[in-house]
Amino acid sequence: MPPHLTGGTVDLTIVDQKNRQLDMGTKYLEFNTKTYTFSKSISKKVKNNRKLLINAMETAGFVNYPLEWWHWSYGDRYWAAVLNKKYSIYDGI
């Protein structure tokens, strides 16, 4: 079952005080090596912006799918596997 169908996966970014998206180095759903969360092909500014996202999401208990900086899971099968949980919280809906 695709992770988004469980309700335990979100795609997101960060916006500033003026509701402008921070530069994350690629567009949403753009697929290349720059979309990798820890890509070596992105600028220092983009790395810092992604670090903000990573820190916020990991603090909240989410895990990232490393090929897509925007893709975060909580409670689905991927989350359970990464965190060595015995069970996921969510199943298909």
PDB file of N, CA and C in Angstrom:
ATOM      1  N   MET A   1       0.845  -1.177   0.000  1.00  0.00           N
ATOM      2  CA  MET A   1       0.000   0.000   0.000  1.00  0.00           C
ATOM      3  C   MET A   1       0.891   1.241   0.000  1.00  0.00           C
ATOM      4  N   PRO A   2       0.659   2.190  -0.906  1.00  0.00           N
ATOM      5  CA  PRO A   2       1.445   3.421  -0.923  1.00  0.00           C
ATOM      6  C   PRO A   2       1.311   4.169   0.405  1.00  0.00           C
ATOM      7  N   PRO A   3       2.410   4.729   0.900  1.00  0.00           N
ATOM      8  CA  PRO A   3       2.392   5.330   2.235  1.00  0.00           C
ATOM      9  C   PRO A   3       1.416   6.497   2.394  1.00  0.00           C
ATOM     10  N   HIS A   4       1.170   7.266   1.352  1.00  0.00           N
ATOM     11  CA  HIS A   4       0.245   8.392   1.494  1.00  0.00           C
ATOM     12  C   HIS A   4      -1.181   7.926   1.770  1.00  0.00           C
ATOM     13  N   LEU A   5      -1.525   6.732   1.346  1.00  0.00           N
ATOM     14  CA  LEU A   5      -2.881   6.231   1.559  1.00  0.00           C
ATOM     15  C   LEU A   5      -3.154   5.840   3.000  1.00  0.00           C
ATOM     16  N   THR A   6      -2.116   5.762   3.812  1.00  0.00           N
ATOM     17  CA  THR A   6      -2.311   5.424   5.225  1.00  0.00           C
ATOM     18  C   THR A   6      -2.700   6.651   6.046  1.00  0.00           C
ATOM     19  N   GLY A   7      -2.446   7.823   5.535  1.00  0.00           N
ATOM     20  CA  GLY A   7      -2.649   9.035   6.319  1.00  0.00           C
ATOM     21  C   GLY A   7      -1.456   9.349   7.202  1.00  0.00           C
ATOM     22  N   GLY A   8      -0.413   8.510   7.147  1.00  0.00           N
ATOM     23  CA  GLY A   8       0.762   8.702   7.987  1.00  0.00           C
ATOM     24  C   GLY A   8       1.931   9.337   7.270  1.00  0.00           C
ATOM     25  N   THR A   9       1.709   9.810   6.050  1.00  0.00           N
ATOM     26  CA  THR A   9       2.787  10.411   5.267  1.00  0.00           C
ATOM     27  C   THR A   9       2.343  11.769   4.747  1.00  0.00           C
ATOM     28  N   VAL A  10       3.252  12.738   4.823  1.00  0.00           N
ATOM     29  CA  VAL A  10       2.964  14.079   4.308  1.00  0.00           C
ATOM     30  C   VAL A  10       4.112  14.553   3.433  1.00  0.00           C
ATOM     31  N   ASP A  11       3.791  15.401   2.489  1.00  0.00           N
ATOM     32  CA  ASP A  11       4.776  16.111   1.683  1.00  0.00           C
ATOM     33  C   ASP A  11       4.665  17.573   2.073  1.00  0.00           C
ATOM     34  N   LEU A  12       5.780  18.202   2.429  1.00  0.00           N
ATOM     35  CA  LEU A  12       5.699  19.586   2.888  1.00  0.00           C
ATOM     36  C   LEU A  12       7.012  20.326   2.718  1.00  0.00           C
ATOM     37  N   THR A  13       6.928  21.626   2.943  1.00  0.00           N
ATOM     38  CA  THR A  13       8.097  22.499   2.939  1.00  0.00           C
ATOM     39  C   THR A  13       7.912  23.521   4.048  1.00  0.00           C
ATOM     40  N   ILE A  14       8.781  24.499   4.096  1.00  0.00           N
ATOM     41  CA  ILE A  14       8.706  25.565   5.098  1.00  0.00           C
ATOM     42  C   ILE A  14       8.492  26.890   4.377  1.00  0.00           C
ATOM     43  N   VAL A  15       7.689  27.751   4.976  1.00  0.00           N
ATOM     44  CA  VAL A  15       7.494  29.106   4.451  1.00  0.00           C
ATOM     45  C   VAL A  15       7.972  30.116   5.480  1.00  0.00           C
ATOM     46  N   ASP A  16       8.305  31.315   4.989  1.00  0.00           N
ATOM     47  CA  ASP A  16       8.748  32.377   5.903  1.00  0.00           C
ATOM     48  C   ASP A  16       7.546  33.173   6.411  1.00  0.00           C
ATOM     49  N   GLN A  17       7.829  34.274   7.103  1.00  0.00           N
ATOM     50  CA  GLN A  17       6.778  35.093   7.707  1.00  0.00           C
ATOM     51  C   GLN A  17       5.847  35.706   6.666  1.00  0.00           C
ATOM     52  N   LYS A  18       6.315  35.824   5.436  1.00  0.00           N
ATOM     53  CA  LYS A  18       5.491  36.399   4.363  1.00  0.00           C
ATOM     54  C   LYS A  18       4.867  35.315   3.477  1.00  0.00           C
ATOM     55  N   ASN A  19       4.856  34.089   4.002  1.00  0.00           N
ATOM     56  CA  ASN A  19       4.262  32.945   3.310  1.00  0.00           C
ATOM     57  C   ASN A  19       4.982  32.579   2.012  1.00  0.00           C
ATOM     58  N   ARG A  20       6.282  32.888   1.944  1.00  0.00           N
ATOM     59  CA  ARG A  20       7.100  32.508   0.782  1.00  0.00           C
ATOM     60  C   ARG A  20       7.846  31.231   1.123  1.00  0.00           C
ATOM     61  N   GLN A  21       7.844  30.295   0.198  1.00  0.00           N
ATOM     62  CA  GLN A  21       8.555  29.048   0.423  1.00  0.00           C
ATOM     63  C   GLN A  21      10.054  29.294   0.499  1.00  0.00           C
ATOM     64  N   LEU A  22      10.704  28.652   1.471  1.00  0.00           N
ATOM     65  CA  LEU A  22      12.159  28.705   1.527  1.00  0.00           C
ATOM     66  C   LEU A  22      12.723  27.908   0.356  1.00  0.00           C
ATOM     67  N   ASP A  23      13.883  28.301  -0.101  1.00  0.00           N
ATOM     68  CA  ASP A  23      14.540  27.613  -1.212  1.00  0.00           C
ATOM     69  C   ASP A  23      15.052  26.266  -0.731  1.00  0.00           C
ATOM     70  N   MET A  24      14.486  25.194  -1.273  1.00  0.00           N
ATOM     71  CA  MET A  24      14.903  23.841  -0.927  1.00  0.00           C
ATOM     72  C   MET A  24      15.709  23.198  -2.050  1.00  0.00           C
ATOM     73  N   GLY A  25      16.035  23.969  -3.076  1.00  0.00           N
ATOM     74  CA  GLY A  25      16.920  23.493  -4.132  1.00  0.00           C
ATOM     75  C   GLY A  25      16.250  22.863  -5.327  1.00  0.00           C
ATOM     76  N   THR A  26      15.036  22.379  -5.142  1.00  0.00           N
ATOM     77  CA  THR A  26      14.278  21.790  -6.248  1.00  0.00           C
ATOM     78  C   THR A  26      12.806  22.097  -6.048  1.00  0.00           C
ATOM     79  N   LYS A  27      12.053  21.850  -7.067  1.00  0.00           N
ATOM     80  CA  LYS A  27      10.601  21.951  -6.958  1.00  0.00           C
ATOM     81  C   LYS A  27      10.065  20.654  -6.367  1.00  0.00           C
ATOM     82  N   TYR A  28       8.888  20.726  -5.802  1.00  0.00           N
ATOM     83  CA  TYR A  28       8.172  19.552  -5.326  1.00  0.00           C
ATOM     84  C   TYR A  28       7.920  18.623  -6.514  1.00  0.00           C
ATOM     85  N   LEU A  29       8.161  17.354  -6.310  1.00  0.00           N
ATOM     86  CA  LEU A  29       7.995  16.308  -7.320  1.00  0.00           C
ATOM     87  C   LEU A  29       8.976  16.410  -8.483  1.00  0.00           C
ATOM     88  N   GLU A  30      10.042  17.149  -8.308  1.00  0.00           N
ATOM     89  CA  GLU A  30      11.154  17.134  -9.256  1.00  0.00           C
ATOM     90  C   GLU A  30      12.056  15.992  -8.805  1.00  0.00           C
ATOM     91  N   PHE A  31      12.425  15.108  -9.709  1.00  0.00           N
ATOM     92  CA  PHE A  31      13.192  13.941  -9.301  1.00  0.00           C
ATOM     93  C   PHE A  31      14.553  13.919  -9.980  1.00  0.00           C
ATOM     94  N   ASN A  32      15.594  14.144  -9.186  1.00  0.00           N
ATOM     95  CA  ASN A  32      16.986  14.038  -9.608  1.00  0.00           C
ATOM     96  C   ASN A  32      17.832  13.966  -8.334  1.00  0.00           C
ATOM     97  N   THR A  33      19.135  13.976  -8.471  1.00  0.00           N
ATOM     98  CA  THR A  33      19.973  13.834  -7.274  1.00  0.00           C
ATOM     99  C   THR A  33      19.871  15.032  -6.325  1.00  0.00           C
ATOM    100  N   LYS A  34      19.414  16.174  -6.808  1.00  0.00           N
ATOM    101  CA  LYS A  34      19.248  17.330  -5.918  1.00  0.00           C
ATOM    102  C   LYS A  34      18.043  17.176  -4.998  1.00  0.00           C
ATOM    103  N   THR A  35      17.119  16.271  -5.332  1.00  0.00           N
ATOM    104  CA  THR A  35      15.966  16.068  -4.453  1.00  0.00           C
ATOM    105  C   THR A  35      16.312  15.186  -3.261  1.00  0.00           C
ATOM    106  N   TYR A  36      17.469  14.505  -3.311  1.00  0.00           N
ATOM    107  CA  TYR A  36      17.884  13.696  -2.167  1.00  0.00           C
ATOM    108  C   TYR A  36      18.041  14.619  -0.965  1.00  0.00           C
ATOM    109  N   THR A  37      17.524  14.225   0.150  1.00  0.00           N
ATOM    110  CA  THR A  37      17.530  15.081   1.341  1.00  0.00           C
ATOM    111  C   THR A  37      18.926  15.598   1.669  1.00  0.00           C
ATOM    112  N   PHE A  38      19.924  14.748   1.562  1.00  0.00           N
ATOM    113  CA  PHE A  38      21.291  15.144   1.887  1.00  0.00           C
ATOM    114  C   PHE A  38      22.161  15.209   0.631  1.00  0.00           C
ATOM    115  N   SER A  39      21.597  15.751  -0.440  1.00  0.00           N
ATOM    116  CA  SER A  39      22.317  15.880  -1.709  1.00  0.00           C
ATOM    117  C   SER A  39      23.604  16.684  -1.528  1.00  0.00           C
ATOM    118  N   LYS A  40      24.632  16.263  -2.220  1.00  0.00           N
ATOM    119  CA  LYS A  40      25.893  17.012  -2.215  1.00  0.00           C
ATOM    120  C   LYS A  40      25.902  18.072  -3.321  1.00  0.00           C
ATOM    121  N   SER A  41      24.836  18.126  -4.108  1.00  0.00           N
ATOM    122  CA  SER A  41      24.766  19.036  -5.261  1.00  0.00           C
ATOM    123  C   SER A  41      23.945  20.286  -4.982  1.00  0.00           C
ATOM    124  N   ILE A  42      23.745  20.630  -3.718  1.00  0.00           N
ATOM    125  CA  ILE A  42      22.947  21.809  -3.378  1.00  0.00           C
ATOM    126  C   ILE A  42      23.801  22.827  -2.627  1.00  0.00           C
ATOM    127  N   SER A  43      23.358  24.062  -2.647  1.00  0.00           N
ATOM    128  CA  SER A  43      24.112  25.145  -2.021  1.00  0.00           C
ATOM    129  C   SER A  43      24.047  25.063  -0.490  1.00  0.00           C
ATOM    130  N   LYS A  44      24.926  25.794   0.151  1.00  0.00           N
ATOM    131  CA  LYS A  44      24.946  25.849   1.610  1.00  0.00           C
ATOM    132  C   LYS A  44      23.629  26.422   2.147  1.00  0.00           C
ATOM    133  N   LYS A  45      23.093  27.437   1.469  1.00  0.00           N
ATOM    134  CA  LYS A  45      21.817  28.030   1.888  1.00  0.00           C
ATOM    135  C   LYS A  45      20.705  26.987   1.850  1.00  0.00           C
ATOM    136  N   VAL A  46      20.650  26.212   0.782  1.00  0.00           N
ATOM    137  CA  VAL A  46      19.631  25.168   0.652  1.00  0.00           C
ATOM    138  C   VAL A  46      19.834  24.104   1.724  1.00  0.00           C
ATOM    139  N   LYS A  47      21.083  23.721   1.985  1.00  0.00           N
ATOM    140  CA  LYS A  47      21.365  22.746   3.043  1.00  0.00           C
ATOM    141  C   LYS A  47      20.856  23.253   4.386  1.00  0.00           C
ATOM    142  N   ASN A  48      21.064  24.532   4.664  1.00  0.00           N
ATOM    143  CA  ASN A  48      20.587  25.115   5.919  1.00  0.00           C
ATOM    144  C   ASN A  48      19.064  25.133   5.987  1.00  0.00           C
ATOM    145  N   ASN A  49      18.405  25.445   4.859  1.00  0.00           N
ATOM    146  CA  ASN A  49      16.942  25.436   4.829  1.00  0.00           C
ATOM    147  C   ASN A  49      16.407  24.021   5.064  1.00  0.00           C
ATOM    148  N   ARG A  50      17.038  23.050   4.451  1.00  0.00           N
ATOM    149  CA  ARG A  50      16.612  21.661   4.655  1.00  0.00           C
ATOM    150  C   ARG A  50      16.868  21.235   6.102  1.00  0.00           C
ATOM    151  N   LYS A  51      17.945  21.731   6.669  1.00  0.00           N
ATOM    152  CA  LYS A  51      18.259  21.406   8.069  1.00  0.00           C
ATOM    153  C   LYS A  51      17.143  21.893   8.997  1.00  0.00           C
ATOM    154  N   LEU A  52      16.582  23.066   8.702  1.00  0.00           N
ATOM    155  CA  LEU A  52      15.445  23.561   9.487  1.00  0.00           C
ATOM    156  C   LEU A  52      14.270  22.591   9.408  1.00  0.00           C
ATOM    157  N   LEU A  53      13.980  22.146   8.206  1.00  0.00           N
ATOM    158  CA  LEU A  53      12.881  21.195   7.993  1.00  0.00           C
ATOM    159  C   LEU A  53      13.164  19.872   8.708  1.00  0.00           C
ATOM    160  N   ILE A  54      14.363  19.368   8.533  1.00  0.00           N
ATOM    161  CA  ILE A  54      14.754  18.103   9.163  1.00  0.00           C
ATOM    162  C   ILE A  54      14.624  18.199  10.676  1.00  0.00           C
ATOM    163  N   ASN A  55      15.158  19.248  11.261  1.00  0.00           N
ATOM    164  CA  ASN A  55      15.101  19.404  12.717  1.00  0.00           C
ATOM    165  C   ASN A  55      13.664  19.477  13.222  1.00  0.00           C
ATOM    166  N   ALA A  56      12.822  20.243  12.532  1.00  0.00           N
ATOM    167  CA  ALA A  56      11.421  20.370  12.954  1.00  0.00           C
ATOM    168  C   ALA A  56      10.691  19.035  12.863  1.00  0.00           C
ATOM    169  N   MET A  57      10.867  18.338  11.758  1.00  0.00           N
ATOM    170  CA  MET A  57      10.137  17.099  11.551  1.00  0.00           C
ATOM    171  C   MET A  57      10.652  15.973  12.433  1.00  0.00           C
ATOM    172  N   GLU A  58      11.961  15.858  12.582  1.00  0.00           N
ATOM    173  CA  GLU A  58      12.495  14.800  13.449  1.00  0.00           C
ATOM    174  C   GLU A  58      12.147  15.049  14.910  1.00  0.00           C
ATOM    175  N   THR A  59      12.128  16.297  15.326  1.00  0.00           N
ATOM    176  CA  THR A  59      11.721  16.629  16.693  1.00  0.00           C
ATOM    177  C   THR A  59      10.284  16.182  16.953  1.00  0.00           C
ATOM    178  N   ALA A  60       9.446  16.255  15.919  1.00  0.00           N
ATOM    179  CA  ALA A  60       8.048  15.840  16.036  1.00  0.00           C
ATOM    180  C   ALA A  60       7.873  14.324  15.866  1.00  0.00           C
ATOM    181  N   GLY A  61       8.960  13.594  15.588  1.00  0.00           N
ATOM    182  CA  GLY A  61       8.885  12.149  15.494  1.00  0.00           C
ATOM    183  C   GLY A  61       8.743  11.574  14.098  1.00  0.00           C
ATOM    184  N   PHE A  62       8.806  12.420  13.090  1.00  0.00           N
ATOM    185  CA  PHE A  62       8.706  11.965  11.704  1.00  0.00           C
ATOM    186  C   PHE A  62      10.050  11.436  11.206  1.00  0.00           C
ATOM    187  N   VAL A  63      10.001  10.598  10.169  1.00  0.00           N
ATOM    188  CA  VAL A  63      11.201  10.147   9.483  1.00  0.00           C
ATOM    189  C   VAL A  63      11.084  10.535   8.011  1.00  0.00           C
ATOM    190  N   ASN A  64      12.220  10.803   7.419  1.00  0.00           N
ATOM    191  CA  ASN A  64      12.265  11.254   6.029  1.00  0.00           C
ATOM    192  C   ASN A  64      12.567  10.104   5.085  1.00  0.00           C
ATOM    193  N   TYR A  65      11.935  10.144   3.909  1.00  0.00           N
ATOM    194  CA  TYR A  65      12.296   9.251   2.820  1.00  0.00           C
ATOM    195  C   TYR A  65      13.455   9.944   2.110  1.00  0.00           C
ATOM    196  N   PRO A  66      14.674   9.403   2.155  1.00  0.00           N
ATOM    197  CA  PRO A  66      15.878  10.139   1.783  1.00  0.00           C
ATOM    198  C   PRO A  66      16.035  10.534   0.311  1.00  0.00           C
ATOM    199  N   LEU A  67      15.180  10.038  -0.562  1.00  0.00           N
ATOM    200  CA  LEU A  67      15.274  10.455  -1.969  1.00  0.00           C
ATOM    201  C   LEU A  67      14.399  11.661  -2.279  1.00  0.00           C
ATOM    202  N   GLU A  68      13.589  12.081  -1.307  1.00  0.00           N
ATOM    203  CA  GLU A  68      12.671  13.217  -1.486  1.00  0.00           C
ATOM    204  C   GLU A  68      12.704  14.074  -0.220  1.00  0.00           C
ATOM    205  N   TRP A  69      13.311  15.242  -0.285  1.00  0.00           N
ATOM    206  CA  TRP A  69      13.439  16.090   0.903  1.00  0.00           C
ATOM    207  C   TRP A  69      12.078  16.449   1.504  1.00  0.00           C
ATOM    208  N   TRP A  70      11.028  16.456   0.719  1.00  0.00           N
ATOM    209  CA  TRP A  70       9.694  16.889   1.144  1.00  0.00           C
ATOM    210  C   TRP A  70       8.853  15.783   1.780  1.00  0.00           C
ATOM    211  N   HIS A  71       9.287  14.528   1.720  1.00  0.00           N
ATOM    212  CA  HIS A  71       8.458  13.371   2.067  1.00  0.00           C
ATOM    213  C   HIS A  71       8.765  12.891   3.490  1.00  0.00           C
ATOM    214  N   TRP A  72       7.753  12.951   4.364  1.00  0.00           N
ATOM    215  CA  TRP A  72       7.924  12.616   5.773  1.00  0.00           C
ATOM    216  C   TRP A  72       6.840  11.654   6.240  1.00  0.00           C
ATOM    217  N   SER A  73       7.234  10.695   7.068  1.00  0.00           N
ATOM    218  CA  SER A  73       6.314   9.660   7.540  1.00  0.00           C
ATOM    219  C   SER A  73       6.242   9.633   9.062  1.00  0.00           C
ATOM    220  N   TYR A  74       5.049   9.325   9.534  1.00  0.00           N
ATOM    221  CA  TYR A  74       4.840   9.084  10.965  1.00  0.00           C
ATOM    222  C   TYR A  74       3.760   8.017  11.099  1.00  0.00           C
ATOM    223  N   GLY A  75       4.139   6.879  11.634  1.00  0.00           N
ATOM    224  CA  GLY A  75       3.167   5.843  11.940  1.00  0.00           C
ATOM    225  C   GLY A  75       2.896   4.839  10.833  1.00  0.00           C
ATOM    226  N   ASP A  76       3.448   5.045   9.646  1.00  0.00           N
ATOM    227  CA  ASP A  76       3.224   4.095   8.558  1.00  0.00           C
ATOM    228  C   ASP A  76       4.297   3.003   8.573  1.00  0.00           C
ATOM    229  N   ARG A  77       4.255   2.089   7.615  1.00  0.00           N
ATOM    230  CA  ARG A  77       5.212   0.981   7.591  1.00  0.00           C
ATOM    231  C   ARG A  77       6.653   1.455   7.448  1.00  0.00           C
ATOM    232  N   TYR A  78       6.879   2.494   6.640  1.00  0.00           N
ATOM    233  CA  TYR A  78       8.234   3.006   6.463  1.00  0.00           C
ATOM    234  C   TYR A  78       8.775   3.549   7.789  1.00  0.00           C
ATOM    235  N   TRP A  79       7.979   4.327   8.473  1.00  0.00           N
ATOM    236  CA  TRP A  79       8.334   4.887   9.784  1.00  0.00           C
ATOM    237  C   TRP A  79       8.687   3.764  10.761  1.00  0.00           C
ATOM    238  N   ALA A  80       7.844   2.728  10.783  1.00  0.00           N
ATOM    239  CA  ALA A  80       8.084   1.605  11.690  1.00  0.00           C
ATOM    240  C   ALA A  80       9.397   0.894  11.358  1.00  0.00           C
ATOM    241  N   ALA A  81       9.674   0.725  10.076  1.00  0.00           N
ATOM    242  CA  ALA A  81      10.914   0.046   9.669  1.00  0.00           C
ATOM    243  C   ALA A  81      12.142   0.861  10.043  1.00  0.00           C
ATOM    244  N   VAL A  82      12.117   2.160   9.763  1.00  0.00           N
ATOM    245  CA  VAL A  82      13.268   3.018  10.051  1.00  0.00           C
ATOM    246  C   VAL A  82      13.544   3.071  11.556  1.00  0.00           C
ATOM    247  N   LEU A  83      12.502   3.137  12.346  1.00  0.00           N
ATOM    248  CA  LEU A  83      12.669   3.258  13.799  1.00  0.00           C
ATOM    249  C   LEU A  83      12.652   1.911  14.521  1.00  0.00           C
ATOM    250  N   ASN A  84      12.680   0.817  13.751  1.00  0.00           N
ATOM    251  CA  ASN A  84      12.675  -0.536  14.332  1.00  0.00           C
ATOM    252  C   ASN A  84      11.504  -0.769  15.277  1.00  0.00           C
ATOM    253  N   LYS A  85      10.336  -0.262  14.878  1.00  0.00           N
ATOM    254  CA  LYS A  85       9.119  -0.501  15.657  1.00  0.00           C
ATOM    255  C   LYS A  85       8.560  -1.869  15.278  1.00  0.00           C
ATOM    256  N   LYS A  86       7.927  -2.518  16.198  1.00  0.00           N
ATOM    257  CA  LYS A  86       7.346  -3.831  15.940  1.00  0.00           C
ATOM    258  C   LYS A  86       6.138  -3.714  14.995  1.00  0.00           C
ATOM    259  N   TYR A  87       5.386  -2.622  15.135  1.00  0.00           N
ATOM    260  CA  TYR A  87       4.174  -2.412  14.342  1.00  0.00           C
ATOM    261  C   TYR A  87       4.096  -0.965  13.858  1.00  0.00           C
ATOM    262  N   SER A  88       3.409  -0.773  12.765  1.00  0.00           N
ATOM    263  CA  SER A  88       3.076   0.593  12.344  1.00  0.00           C
ATOM    264  C   SER A  88       1.798   0.994  13.096  1.00  0.00           C
ATOM    265  N   ILE A  89       1.533   2.273  13.128  1.00  0.00           N
ATOM    266  CA  ILE A  89       0.319   2.778  13.749  1.00  0.00           C
ATOM    267  C   ILE A  89      -0.825   2.758  12.744  1.00  0.00           C
ATOM    268  N   TYR A  90      -0.512   3.135  11.505  1.00  0.00           N
ATOM    269  CA  TYR A  90      -1.530   3.310  10.468  1.00  0.00           C
ATOM    270  C   TYR A  90      -1.442   2.237   9.394  1.00  0.00           C
ATOM    271  N   ASP A  91      -2.591   1.884   8.868  1.00  0.00           N
ATOM    272  CA  ASP A  91      -2.709   0.986   7.742  1.00  0.00           C
ATOM    273  C   ASP A  91      -3.492   1.741   6.667  1.00  0.00           C
ATOM    274  N   GLY A  92      -3.797   1.118   5.595  1.00  0.00           N
ATOM    275  CA  GLY A  92      -4.538   1.765   4.519  1.00  0.00           C
ATOM    276  C   GLY A  92      -5.904   2.248   4.959  1.00  0.00           C
ATOM    277  N   ILE A  93      -6.315   3.346   4.361  1.00  0.00           N
ATOM    278  CA  ILE A  93      -7.663   3.872   4.651  1.00  0.00           C
ATOM    279  C   ILE A  93      -8.467   3.919   3.375  1.00  0.00           C
TER     280      ILE A  93
END
